[in-house]
Protein backbone atom coordinates (compact mmCIF):
# COMPACT_ATOMS: atom_id res chain seq x y z
CA MET A 1 -17.65 29.10 -2.87
CA ASN A 2 -17.71 32.47 -1.11
CA PRO A 3 -14.59 34.62 -1.28
CA PRO A 4 -12.61 34.65 1.95
CA ALA A 5 -12.95 37.56 4.31
CA ALA A 6 -10.38 40.20 3.43
CA LEU A 7 -7.56 41.21 5.70
CA SER A 8 -7.08 44.94 5.87
CA LEU A 9 -3.36 45.52 6.01
CA SER A 10 -1.30 48.23 7.64
CA LYS A 11 1.66 49.85 5.90
CA GLU A 12 3.85 48.44 8.68
CA PRO A 13 4.39 44.68 8.10
CA GLU A 14 5.16 43.97 11.77
CA ALA A 15 1.86 45.57 12.80
CA ASN A 16 0.07 43.18 10.45
CA VAL A 17 1.78 40.18 12.01
CA ALA A 18 0.78 41.33 15.47
CA ARG A 19 -2.84 41.87 14.39
CA TYR A 20 -3.53 38.61 12.54
CA ASP A 21 -2.62 35.19 13.87
CA GLY A 22 -2.74 33.80 10.34
CA LEU A 23 0.11 36.05 9.32
CA ARG A 24 2.27 34.49 12.02
CA THR A 25 1.59 31.14 10.38
CA GLN A 26 2.54 32.61 7.01
CA LYS A 27 6.08 33.30 8.21
CA GLY A 28 6.61 29.60 8.92
CA THR A 29 4.91 28.66 5.67
CA ARG A 30 7.23 30.96 3.72
CA GLN A 31 10.25 29.34 5.39
CA GLN A 32 8.90 25.87 4.56
CA ARG A 33 8.39 26.88 0.92
CA HIS A 34 12.00 28.06 0.85
CA LEU A 35 13.22 24.68 2.12
CA LEU A 36 11.15 22.81 -0.44
CA ALA A 37 12.23 25.04 -3.34
CA HIS A 38 15.90 25.44 -2.51
CA ARG A 39 16.90 22.62 -0.16
CA GLN A 40 14.66 19.75 -1.31
CA GLY A 41 12.94 19.82 2.07
CA LEU A 42 16.14 19.37 4.07
CA VAL A 43 16.05 21.46 7.26
CA ASP A 44 19.01 23.76 7.92
CA GLU A 45 19.98 26.05 10.80
CA GLU A 46 18.61 29.09 8.98
CA TYR A 47 15.14 27.48 8.80
CA VAL A 48 15.13 26.68 12.51
CA THR A 49 16.26 30.20 13.40
CA LYS A 50 13.94 32.13 11.08
CA SER A 51 10.83 29.98 11.56
CA GLY A 52 11.21 29.28 15.26
CA ASP A 53 10.12 25.72 14.47
CA THR A 54 11.68 23.63 17.23
CA ARG A 55 10.21 20.35 15.96
CA TYR A 56 13.13 19.95 13.57
CA ARG A 57 16.90 19.85 13.77
CA PRO A 58 19.24 20.62 10.88
CA GLY A 59 19.57 17.62 8.59
CA GLN A 60 16.02 16.35 9.05
CA ARG A 61 13.43 16.30 6.24
CA LEU A 62 10.47 18.64 6.39
CA VAL A 63 7.10 16.89 6.67
CA LEU A 64 4.00 18.76 5.48
CA ARG A 65 0.44 17.96 6.58
CA ALA A 66 -2.44 18.41 4.13
CA GLU A 67 -4.16 20.67 6.68
CA ALA A 68 -1.16 22.99 6.81
CA VAL A 69 -1.15 23.34 3.03
CA THR A 70 -4.90 24.11 3.03
CA GLU A 71 -4.42 26.73 5.76
CA ALA A 72 -1.61 28.37 3.77
CA VAL A 73 -3.76 28.53 0.63
CA ASP A 74 -6.67 30.00 2.62
CA LEU A 75 -4.38 32.65 4.09
CA VAL A 76 -2.99 33.61 0.68
CA GLU A 77 -6.55 33.95 -0.64
CA LYS A 78 -7.43 36.26 2.27
CA LEU A 79 -4.32 38.35 1.70
CA VAL A 80 -5.03 38.70 -2.02
CA THR A 81 -8.64 39.68 -1.31
CA GLY A 82 -7.44 42.30 1.18
CA LEU A 83 -4.84 43.67 -1.20
CA ARG A 84 -7.40 43.93 -4.01
CA SER A 85 -9.83 45.67 -1.69
CA ASP A 86 -7.19 48.13 -0.46
CA ALA A 87 -6.03 48.85 -4.01
CA ALA A 88 -9.59 49.37 -5.22
CA ALA A 89 -10.35 51.70 -2.31
CA ARG A 90 -7.29 53.79 -3.15
CA SER A 91 -8.19 53.96 -6.83
CA GLY A 92 -11.94 54.44 -6.24
CA LYS A 93 -12.90 51.23 -8.05
CA SER A 94 -14.88 48.15 -7.02
CA SER A 95 -12.82 45.25 -5.64
CA SER A 96 -14.71 42.58 -7.64
CA PRO A 97 -12.42 40.35 -9.73
């Protein structure tokens, strides 16, 4: 399996979100993870507000699709590859694991 293409990140987080559609998805994924970890998947007003996910109302259970989980894992792999590459470039080392 080939490593995912790296995302080169800006020092400004909001600039990164504007540049990469996948990072927009990550915001919703992070909010979903929070619900699963801390609210047993039960949607609250904070989730709706922070994620912008209008499919749910407070009190409903979060439903995850396998495709959404795969996309989230792919995005995390790209982010890690980009971070390693950026760190290696700053330290003058190769970015190979």
